[in-house]
């Protein structure tokens, strides 16, 4: 594996001005929800700062008025190393803006990933770079998440024999990898038009997925062809990586995890 530095981009915007989570926590943006006394986004920044071989370079969002309520984030942006960008209207567009001027490899993660650790970041980046695909996504085996947090409701990708949850970790190994975000953006533009999304993904792919016959490997192969870049996946074994703080229930769960209520 090359020893070149991994640049990191954190996506910290949101579509709606207010959300149930933001209102419950009394914060101006969901990424500022306090977990164990610090904003979620602060925990993400700290994990990246502590990760060997990784340098936070771009923060996309939250809006300036929200960000200015957290002195530590204001201080972060006063230095020369980290730049701030106005978030775009959707996560994929924000990701494209964030990586645009960075030389690969580039790690992209989310600002509400309060339970992210430096160790997980380092392992994911190492495995993703060794994999060699243009674009690598992190996934967590669902059986590990269910065993750790049986009462938690998670979005599950139901691949045949290998159900998993997202880890909010993405690595672009080269410039071609941005095509994955461009493909994602194209799908997002039609999120209210299921038929157009179905046509873009292919009815055969969707049928195999719905009938639980689509393997992860097959999905990656088909999506690679459609996106125009090679997609790969790294399995992250730490179940807390599947927990992001984007709902009141997940906020409560994150607080319990931080307090040591879970092993």
C-alpha atoms as a PDB file:
ATOM      1  CA  UNK A   1       0.000   0.000   0.000  1.00  0.00           C
ATOM      2  CA  UNK A   2       1.242   3.498  -0.832  1.00  0.00           C
ATOM      3  CA  UNK A   3       2.185   5.663   2.128  1.00  0.00           C
ATOM      4  CA  UNK A   4       0.714   8.866   0.645  1.00  0.00           C
ATOM      5  CA  UNK A   5      -1.546  10.868   2.914  1.00  0.00           C
ATOM      6  CA  UNK A   6      -5.303  10.318   2.743  1.00  0.00           C
ATOM      7  CA  UNK A   7      -7.246  13.587   2.505  1.00  0.00           C
ATOM      8  CA  UNK A   8     -10.578  13.577   4.335  1.00  0.00           C
ATOM      9  CA  UNK A   9     -13.875  15.298   3.520  1.00  0.00           C
ATOM     10  CA  UNK A  10     -16.703  15.519   6.054  1.00  0.00           C
ATOM     11  CA  UNK A  11     -20.270  16.019   4.811  1.00  0.00           C
ATOM     12  CA  UNK A  12     -22.115  18.108   7.407  1.00  0.00           C
ATOM     13  CA  UNK A  13     -25.061  19.649   5.580  1.00  0.00           C
ATOM     14  CA  UNK A  14     -28.750  18.782   5.725  1.00  0.00           C
ATOM     15  CA  UNK A  15     -31.708  19.260   3.407  1.00  0.00           C
ATOM     16  CA  UNK A  16     -34.302  20.530   5.889  1.00  0.00           C
ATOM     17  CA  UNK A  17     -33.844  23.664   7.979  1.00  0.00           C
ATOM     18  CA  UNK A  18     -35.287  21.969  11.035  1.00  0.00           C
ATOM     19  CA  UNK A  19     -35.633  18.312  11.975  1.00  0.00           C
ATOM     20  CA  UNK A  20     -37.158  16.458  14.929  1.00  0.00           C
ATOM     21  CA  UNK A  21     -33.645  15.623  16.103  1.00  0.00           C
ATOM     22  CA  UNK A  22     -32.420  19.205  15.906  1.00  0.00           C
ATOM     23  CA  UNK A  23     -35.485  20.476  17.712  1.00  0.00           C
ATOM     24  CA  UNK A  24     -35.181  17.851  20.458  1.00  0.00           C
ATOM     25  CA  UNK A  25     -31.514  18.699  20.998  1.00  0.00           C
ATOM     26  CA  UNK A  26     -31.983  22.441  20.624  1.00  0.00           C
ATOM     27  CA  UNK A  27     -29.274  22.827  17.979  1.00  0.00           C
ATOM     28  CA  UNK A  28     -29.174  24.637  14.663  1.00  0.00           C
ATOM     29  CA  UNK A  29     -27.950  21.592  12.686  1.00  0.00           C
ATOM     30  CA  UNK A  30     -28.161  17.858  13.304  1.00  0.00           C
ATOM     31  CA  UNK A  31     -24.369  17.424  13.173  1.00  0.00           C
ATOM     32  CA  UNK A  32     -24.146  19.654  16.250  1.00  0.00           C
ATOM     33  CA  UNK A  33     -26.256  17.366  18.458  1.00  0.00           C
ATOM     34  CA  UNK A  34     -24.260  16.871  21.673  1.00  0.00           C
ATOM     35  CA  UNK A  35     -23.070  13.359  22.448  1.00  0.00           C
ATOM     36  CA  UNK A  36     -21.218  12.932  25.736  1.00  0.00           C
ATOM     37  CA  UNK A  37     -20.797  16.678  25.940  1.00  0.00           C
ATOM     38  CA  UNK A  38     -19.418  17.337  22.448  1.00  0.00           C
ATOM     39  CA  UNK A  39     -21.116  17.985  19.128  1.00  0.00           C
ATOM     40  CA  UNK A  40     -21.286  14.946  16.852  1.00  0.00           C
ATOM     41  CA  UNK A  41     -19.204  16.796  14.286  1.00  0.00           C
ATOM     42  CA  UNK A  42     -16.506  17.475  16.881  1.00  0.00           C
ATOM     43  CA  UNK A  43     -16.179  13.743  17.528  1.00  0.00           C
ATOM     44  CA  UNK A  44     -15.751  13.099  13.792  1.00  0.00           C
ATOM     45  CA  UNK A  45     -13.095  15.797  13.510  1.00  0.00           C
ATOM     46  CA  UNK A  46     -11.274  14.328  16.518  1.00  0.00           C
ATOM     47  CA  UNK A  47     -11.294  10.801  15.057  1.00  0.00           C
ATOM     48  CA  UNK A  48      -9.819  12.031  11.786  1.00  0.00           C
ATOM     49  CA  UNK A  49      -7.249  14.149  13.604  1.00  0.00           C
ATOM     50  CA  UNK A  50      -6.079  11.148  15.623  1.00  0.00           C
ATOM     51  CA  UNK A  51      -5.991   8.739  12.662  1.00  0.00           C
ATOM     52  CA  UNK A  52      -2.478   8.112  11.363  1.00  0.00           C
ATOM     53  CA  UNK A  53      -2.004   8.961   7.694  1.00  0.00           C
ATOM     54  CA  UNK A  54      -5.248  10.934   7.412  1.00  0.00           C
ATOM     55  CA  UNK A  55      -5.635  14.704   7.130  1.00  0.00           C
ATOM     56  CA  UNK A  56      -8.978  16.502   7.343  1.00  0.00           C
ATOM     57  CA  UNK A  57      -9.047  18.907   4.418  1.00  0.00           C
ATOM     58  CA  UNK A  58     -12.636  19.933   3.676  1.00  0.00           C
ATOM     59  CA  UNK A  59     -15.761  20.461   5.759  1.00  0.00           C
ATOM     60  CA  UNK A  60     -18.918  20.706   3.630  1.00  0.00           C
ATOM     61  CA  UNK A  61     -21.466  22.426   5.887  1.00  0.00           C
ATOM     62  CA  UNK A  62     -23.110  23.064   8.198  1.00  0.00           C
ATOM     63  CA  UNK A  63     -24.158  26.588   7.337  1.00  0.00           C
ATOM     64  CA  UNK A  64     -21.992  29.298   8.845  1.00  0.00           C
ATOM     65  CA  UNK A  65     -24.521  30.522  11.389  1.00  0.00           C
ATOM     66  CA  UNK A  66     -24.834  27.022  12.840  1.00  0.00           C
ATOM     67  CA  UNK A  67     -21.111  26.329  12.730  1.00  0.00           C
ATOM     68  CA  UNK A  68     -20.344  29.577  14.537  1.00  0.00           C
ATOM     69  CA  UNK A  69     -22.155  28.274  17.632  1.00  0.00           C
ATOM     70  CA  UNK A  70     -19.308  25.804  18.271  1.00  0.00           C
ATOM     71  CA  UNK A  71     -16.049  27.610  19.143  1.00  0.00           C
ATOM     72  CA  UNK A  72     -13.873  24.555  18.478  1.00  0.00           C
ATOM     73  CA  UNK A  73     -15.131  24.348  14.887  1.00  0.00           C
ATOM     74  CA  UNK A  74     -14.613  28.072  14.373  1.00  0.00           C
ATOM     75  CA  UNK A  75     -11.027  27.667  15.561  1.00  0.00           C
ATOM     76  CA  UNK A  76     -10.529  24.698  13.245  1.00  0.00           C
ATOM     77  CA  UNK A  77     -11.397  26.779  10.201  1.00  0.00           C
ATOM     78  CA  UNK A  78      -9.132  29.644  11.174  1.00  0.00           C
ATOM     79  CA  UNK A  79      -6.100  27.464  10.466  1.00  0.00           C
ATOM     80  CA  UNK A  80      -4.642  26.863   6.992  1.00  0.00           C
ATOM     81  CA  UNK A  81      -5.325  23.140   6.742  1.00  0.00           C
ATOM     82  CA  UNK A  82      -9.125  22.863   6.644  1.00  0.00           C
ATOM     83  CA  UNK A  83     -11.462  24.689   4.288  1.00  0.00           C
ATOM     84  CA  UNK A  84     -15.232  25.069   4.523  1.00  0.00           C
ATOM     85  CA  UNK A  85     -17.727  24.782   1.685  1.00  0.00           C
ATOM     86  CA  UNK A  86     -21.401  25.645   1.533  1.00  0.00           C
ATOM     87  CA  UNK A  87     -23.339  22.371   1.328  1.00  0.00           C
ATOM     88  CA  UNK A  88     -25.139  21.566  -1.903  1.00  0.00           C
ATOM     89  CA  UNK A  89     -28.733  20.427  -2.114  1.00  0.00           C
ATOM     90  CA  UNK A  90     -27.981  16.730  -1.675  1.00  0.00           C
ATOM     91  CA  UNK A  91     -25.195  14.582  -0.168  1.00  0.00           C
ATOM     92  CA  UNK A  92     -23.816  13.354  -3.488  1.00  0.00           C
ATOM     93  CA  UNK A  93     -23.436  16.883  -4.869  1.00  0.00           C
ATOM     94  CA  UNK A  94     -21.805  17.977  -1.607  1.00  0.00           C
ATOM     95  CA  UNK A  95     -19.390  15.053  -1.853  1.00  0.00           C
ATOM     96  CA  UNK A  96     -18.470  15.964  -5.421  1.00  0.00           C
ATOM     97  CA  UNK A  97     -17.806  19.553  -4.377  1.00  0.00           C
ATOM     98  CA  UNK A  98     -15.770  18.381  -1.407  1.00  0.00           C
ATOM     99  CA  UNK A  99     -13.421  16.095  -3.334  1.00  0.00           C
ATOM    100  CA  UNK A 100     -13.124  18.270  -6.449  1.00  0.00           C
ATOM    101  CA  UNK A 101      -9.777  19.913  -5.685  1.00  0.00           C
ATOM    102  CA  UNK A 102      -8.182  17.114  -3.676  1.00  0.00           C
ATOM    103  CA  UNK A 103      -5.642  14.626  -4.957  1.00  0.00           C
ATOM    104  CA  UNK A 104      -6.595  10.976  -4.270  1.00  0.00           C
ATOM    105  CA  UNK A 105      -6.792   9.030  -2.113  1.00  0.00           C
ATOM    106  CA  UNK A 106      -9.724  10.822  -0.490  1.00  0.00           C
ATOM    107  CA  UNK A 107     -11.845   9.595   2.414  1.00  0.00           C
ATOM    108  CA  UNK A 108     -15.431  10.845   2.684  1.00  0.00           C
ATOM    109  CA  UNK A 109     -17.495  10.463   5.836  1.00  0.00           C
ATOM    110  CA  UNK A 110     -20.490  12.063   7.552  1.00  0.00           C
ATOM    111  CA  UNK A 111     -20.609  14.763  10.205  1.00  0.00           C
ATOM    112  CA  UNK A 112     -23.146  12.862  12.318  1.00  0.00           C
ATOM    113  CA  UNK A 113     -20.810   9.860  12.696  1.00  0.00           C
ATOM    114  CA  UNK A 114     -20.187  10.617  16.386  1.00  0.00           C
ATOM    115  CA  UNK A 115     -19.029   7.080  17.261  1.00  0.00           C
ATOM    116  CA  UNK A 116     -16.322   6.967  14.606  1.00  0.00           C
ATOM    117  CA  UNK A 117     -12.877   6.143  15.966  1.00  0.00           C
ATOM    118  CA  UNK A 118      -9.365   6.722  14.681  1.00  0.00           C
ATOM    119  CA  UNK A 119      -8.709   2.967  14.718  1.00  0.00           C
ATOM    120  CA  UNK A 120     -11.692   2.285  12.457  1.00  0.00           C
ATOM    121  CA  UNK A 121     -10.636   5.068  10.077  1.00  0.00           C
ATOM    122  CA  UNK A 122      -7.099   3.690   9.836  1.00  0.00           C
ATOM    123  CA  UNK A 123      -8.232   0.096   9.220  1.00  0.00           C
ATOM    124  CA  UNK A 124     -10.819   1.105   6.653  1.00  0.00           C
ATOM    125  CA  UNK A 125      -8.389   3.285   4.707  1.00  0.00           C
ATOM    126  CA  UNK A 126      -5.706   0.583   4.728  1.00  0.00           C
ATOM    127  CA  UNK A 127      -8.054  -2.149   3.530  1.00  0.00           C
ATOM    128  CA  UNK A 128      -9.773   0.092   0.994  1.00  0.00           C
ATOM    129  CA  UNK A 129      -6.478   1.161  -0.532  1.00  0.00           C
ATOM    130  CA  UNK A 130      -5.207  -2.405  -0.671  1.00  0.00           C
ATOM    131  CA  UNK A 131      -8.421  -3.413  -2.418  1.00  0.00           C
ATOM    132  CA  UNK A 132      -7.481  -1.184  -5.324  1.00  0.00           C
ATOM    133  CA  UNK A 133     -10.986  -0.421  -6.611  1.00  0.00           C
ATOM    134  CA  UNK A 134     -11.668   3.104  -7.864  1.00  0.00           C
ATOM    135  CA  UNK A 135     -14.313   3.686  -5.187  1.00  0.00           C
ATOM    136  CA  UNK A 136     -14.689   1.695  -1.972  1.00  0.00           C
ATOM    137  CA  UNK A 137     -17.634   1.728   0.417  1.00  0.00           C
ATOM    138  CA  UNK A 138     -17.569   0.578   4.027  1.00  0.00           C
ATOM    139  CA  UNK A 139     -20.227  -1.879   5.183  1.00  0.00           C
ATOM    140  CA  UNK A 140     -20.944  -3.523   8.543  1.00  0.00           C
ATOM    141  CA  UNK A 141     -22.284  -7.105   8.805  1.00  0.00           C
ATOM    142  CA  UNK A 142     -25.842  -6.794  10.039  1.00  0.00           C
ATOM    143  CA  UNK A 143     -25.526  -9.836  12.288  1.00  0.00           C
ATOM    144  CA  UNK A 144     -22.906  -7.971  14.319  1.00  0.00           C
ATOM    145  CA  UNK A 145     -25.085  -4.876  14.574  1.00  0.00           C
ATOM    146  CA  UNK A 146     -28.144  -6.880  15.593  1.00  0.00           C
ATOM    147  CA  UNK A 147     -26.167  -8.784  18.222  1.00  0.00           C
ATOM    148  CA  UNK A 148     -24.747  -5.585  19.712  1.00  0.00           C
ATOM    149  CA  UNK A 149     -27.879  -3.431  19.553  1.00  0.00           C
ATOM    150  CA  UNK A 150     -30.905  -5.712  19.221  1.00  0.00           C
ATOM    151  CA  UNK A 151     -33.433  -2.948  19.978  1.00  0.00           C
ATOM    152  CA  UNK A 152     -32.011  -0.533  17.409  1.00  0.00           C
ATOM    153  CA  UNK A 153     -33.750  -0.109  14.061  1.00  0.00           C
ATOM    154  CA  UNK A 154     -31.219   0.066  11.252  1.00  0.00           C
ATOM    155  CA  UNK A 155     -31.445   0.265   7.487  1.00  0.00           C
ATOM    156  CA  UNK A 156     -30.355  -3.130   6.203  1.00  0.00           C
ATOM    157  CA  UNK A 157     -29.015  -3.894   2.740  1.00  0.00           C
ATOM    158  CA  UNK A 158     -30.426  -7.348   2.216  1.00  0.00           C
ATOM    159  CA  UNK A 159     -27.857  -9.014  -0.019  1.00  0.00           C
ATOM    160  CA  UNK A 160     -28.121 -12.778  -0.409  1.00  0.00           C
ATOM    161  CA  UNK A 161     -26.313 -14.464   2.444  1.00  0.00           C
ATOM    162  CA  UNK A 162     -24.677 -11.204   3.506  1.00  0.00           C
ATOM    163  CA  UNK A 163     -27.051  -8.559   4.908  1.00  0.00           C
ATOM    164  CA  UNK A 164     -25.205  -5.448   6.011  1.00  0.00           C
ATOM    165  CA  UNK A 165     -25.546  -1.846   7.113  1.00  0.00           C
ATOM    166  CA  UNK A 166     -23.822   1.234   5.821  1.00  0.00           C
ATOM    167  CA  UNK A 167     -20.752   2.576   7.624  1.00  0.00           C
ATOM    168  CA  UNK A 168     -20.715   6.119   6.202  1.00  0.00           C
ATOM    169  CA  UNK A 169     -17.166   5.549   4.992  1.00  0.00           C
ATOM    170  CA  UNK A 170     -16.123   5.968   1.365  1.00  0.00           C
ATOM    171  CA  UNK A 171     -12.678   6.038  -0.208  1.00  0.00           C
ATOM    172  CA  UNK A 172     -11.760   7.311  -3.656  1.00  0.00           C
ATOM    173  CA  UNK A 173      -8.516   5.638  -4.667  1.00  0.00           C
ATOM    174  CA  UNK A 174      -8.210   7.692  -7.844  1.00  0.00           C
ATOM    175  CA  UNK A 175      -9.925  10.414  -9.844  1.00  0.00           C
ATOM    176  CA  UNK A 176     -12.156   7.895 -11.633  1.00  0.00           C
ATOM    177  CA  UNK A 177     -13.829   7.099  -8.312  1.00  0.00           C
ATOM    178  CA  UNK A 178     -15.796  10.355  -8.371  1.00  0.00           C
ATOM    179  CA  UNK A 179     -18.029   8.745 -11.003  1.00  0.00           C
ATOM    180  CA  UNK A 180     -19.658   6.761  -8.195  1.00  0.00           C
ATOM    181  CA  UNK A 181     -20.798  10.001  -6.573  1.00  0.00           C
ATOM    182  CA  UNK A 182     -21.954  11.300  -9.958  1.00  0.00           C
ATOM    183  CA  UNK A 183     -24.030   8.154 -10.464  1.00  0.00           C
ATOM    184  CA  UNK A 184     -25.463   8.538  -6.956  1.00  0.00           C
ATOM    185  CA  UNK A 185     -26.329  12.156  -7.698  1.00  0.00           C
ATOM    186  CA  UNK A 186     -28.177  11.137 -10.850  1.00  0.00           C
ATOM    187  CA  UNK A 187     -30.246   8.650  -8.856  1.00  0.00           C
ATOM    188  CA  UNK A 188     -30.984  11.236  -6.150  1.00  0.00           C
ATOM    189  CA  UNK A 189     -32.393  13.610  -8.733  1.00  0.00           C
ATOM    190  CA  UNK A 190     -35.110  11.046  -9.400  1.00  0.00           C
ATOM    191  CA  UNK A 191     -35.779  10.025  -5.782  1.00  0.00           C
ATOM    192  CA  UNK A 192     -39.459  10.963  -6.188  1.00  0.00           C
ATOM    193  CA  UNK A 193     -39.718   9.027  -9.456  1.00  0.00           C
ATOM    194  CA  UNK A 194     -39.282   5.331  -8.597  1.00  0.00           C
ATOM    195  CA  UNK A 195     -39.784   4.189 -12.184  1.00  0.00           C
ATOM    196  CA  UNK A 196     -36.870   6.268 -13.422  1.00  0.00           C
ATOM    197  CA  UNK A 197     -34.656   4.941 -10.647  1.00  0.00           C
ATOM    198  CA  UNK A 198     -35.738   1.399 -11.514  1.00  0.00           C
ATOM    199  CA  UNK A 199     -34.783   1.943 -15.138  1.00  0.00           C
ATOM    200  CA  UNK A 200     -31.423   3.428 -14.159  1.00  0.00           C
ATOM    201  CA  UNK A 201     -30.567   0.509 -11.892  1.00  0.00           C
ATOM    202  CA  UNK A 202     -32.088  -2.150 -14.125  1.00  0.00           C
ATOM    203  CA  UNK A 203     -35.154  -4.227 -13.431  1.00  0.00           C
ATOM    204  CA  UNK A 204     -33.115  -7.416 -13.285  1.00  0.00           C
ATOM    205  CA  UNK A 205     -30.959  -6.046 -10.495  1.00  0.00           C
ATOM    206  CA  UNK A 206     -33.978  -4.853  -8.527  1.00  0.00           C
ATOM    207  CA  UNK A 207     -35.827  -8.137  -8.997  1.00  0.00           C
ATOM    208  CA  UNK A 208     -32.883 -10.156  -7.695  1.00  0.00           C
ATOM    209  CA  UNK A 209     -32.541  -7.788  -4.735  1.00  0.00           C
ATOM    210  CA  UNK A 210     -36.229  -7.877  -3.807  1.00  0.00           C
ATOM    211  CA  UNK A 211     -36.254 -11.670  -4.023  1.00  0.00           C
ATOM    212  CA  UNK A 212     -33.096 -11.854  -1.868  1.00  0.00           C
ATOM    213  CA  UNK A 213     -31.050 -13.444  -4.650  1.00  0.00           C
ATOM    214  CA  UNK A 214     -28.648 -10.569  -5.269  1.00  0.00           C
ATOM    215  CA  UNK A 215     -25.204 -11.059  -3.775  1.00  0.00           C
ATOM    216  CA  UNK A 216     -23.023  -8.131  -2.778  1.00  0.00           C
ATOM    217  CA  UNK A 217     -20.429  -9.141  -5.370  1.00  0.00           C
ATOM    218  CA  UNK A 218     -23.042  -9.199  -8.135  1.00  0.00           C
ATOM    219  CA  UNK A 219     -24.436  -5.839  -7.059  1.00  0.00           C
ATOM    220  CA  UNK A 220     -20.984  -4.268  -7.106  1.00  0.00           C
ATOM    221  CA  UNK A 221     -20.311  -5.679 -10.563  1.00  0.00           C
ATOM    222  CA  UNK A 222     -23.539  -4.307 -12.044  1.00  0.00           C
ATOM    223  CA  UNK A 223     -23.229  -0.938 -10.344  1.00  0.00           C
ATOM    224  CA  UNK A 224     -19.591  -0.659 -11.438  1.00  0.00           C
ATOM    225  CA  UNK A 225     -20.659  -1.007 -15.050  1.00  0.00           C
ATOM    226  CA  UNK A 226     -23.416   1.563 -14.658  1.00  0.00           C
ATOM    227  CA  UNK A 227     -21.272   4.074 -12.755  1.00  0.00           C
ATOM    228  CA  UNK A 228     -18.298   3.720 -15.065  1.00  0.00           C
ATOM    229  CA  UNK A 229     -15.818   2.894 -12.314  1.00  0.00           C
ATOM    230  CA  UNK A 230     -14.818  -0.140 -10.303  1.00  0.00           C
ATOM    231  CA  UNK A 231     -16.645  -0.331  -6.990  1.00  0.00           C
ATOM    232  CA  UNK A 232     -15.453  -2.328  -4.024  1.00  0.00           C
ATOM    233  CA  UNK A 233     -16.545  -2.913  -0.439  1.00  0.00           C
ATOM    234  CA  UNK A 234     -14.723  -3.329   2.861  1.00  0.00           C
ATOM    235  CA  UNK A 235     -16.433  -5.040   5.771  1.00  0.00           C
ATOM    236  CA  UNK A 236     -15.980  -3.059   8.986  1.00  0.00           C
ATOM    237  CA  UNK A 237     -16.398  -5.386  11.942  1.00  0.00           C
ATOM    238  CA  UNK A 238     -17.074  -2.832  14.699  1.00  0.00           C
ATOM    239  CA  UNK A 239     -20.892  -2.614  15.009  1.00  0.00           C
ATOM    240  CA  UNK A 240     -20.898   0.935  16.419  1.00  0.00           C
ATOM    241  CA  UNK A 241     -19.797   2.172  12.989  1.00  0.00           C
ATOM    242  CA  UNK A 242     -23.332   1.467  11.761  1.00  0.00           C
ATOM    243  CA  UNK A 243     -24.772   3.959  14.271  1.00  0.00           C
ATOM    244  CA  UNK A 244     -24.966   7.541  13.074  1.00  0.00           C
ATOM    245  CA  UNK A 245     -26.784  10.237  15.014  1.00  0.00           C
ATOM    246  CA  UNK A 246     -29.571  11.158  12.610  1.00  0.00           C
ATOM    247  CA  UNK A 247     -32.652  10.493  14.744  1.00  0.00           C
ATOM    248  CA  UNK A 248     -33.723  10.966  18.354  1.00  0.00           C
ATOM    249  CA  UNK A 249     -33.559   7.192  18.914  1.00  0.00           C
ATOM    250  CA  UNK A 250     -30.006   7.010  17.551  1.00  0.00           C
ATOM    251  CA  UNK A 251     -28.998  10.006  19.670  1.00  0.00           C
ATOM    252  CA  UNK A 252     -30.207   8.166  22.759  1.00  0.00           C
ATOM    253  CA  UNK A 253     -28.392   5.007  21.655  1.00  0.00           C
ATOM    254  CA  UNK A 254     -25.149   6.918  21.048  1.00  0.00           C
ATOM    255  CA  UNK A 255     -25.338   8.410  24.532  1.00  0.00           C
ATOM    256  CA  UNK A 256     -25.758   4.927  26.015  1.00  0.00           C
ATOM    257  CA  UNK A 257     -22.796   3.604  24.041  1.00  0.00           C
ATOM    258  CA  UNK A 258     -20.609   6.523  25.091  1.00  0.00           C
ATOM    259  CA  UNK A 259     -21.593   6.048  28.737  1.00  0.00           C
ATOM    260  CA  UNK A 260     -20.435   2.423  28.614  1.00  0.00           C
ATOM    261  CA  UNK A 261     -23.894   0.892  28.893  1.00  0.00           C
ATOM    262  CA  UNK A 262     -22.994  -1.398  25.984  1.00  0.00           C
ATOM    263  CA  UNK A 263     -19.857  -3.568  26.032  1.00  0.00           C
END
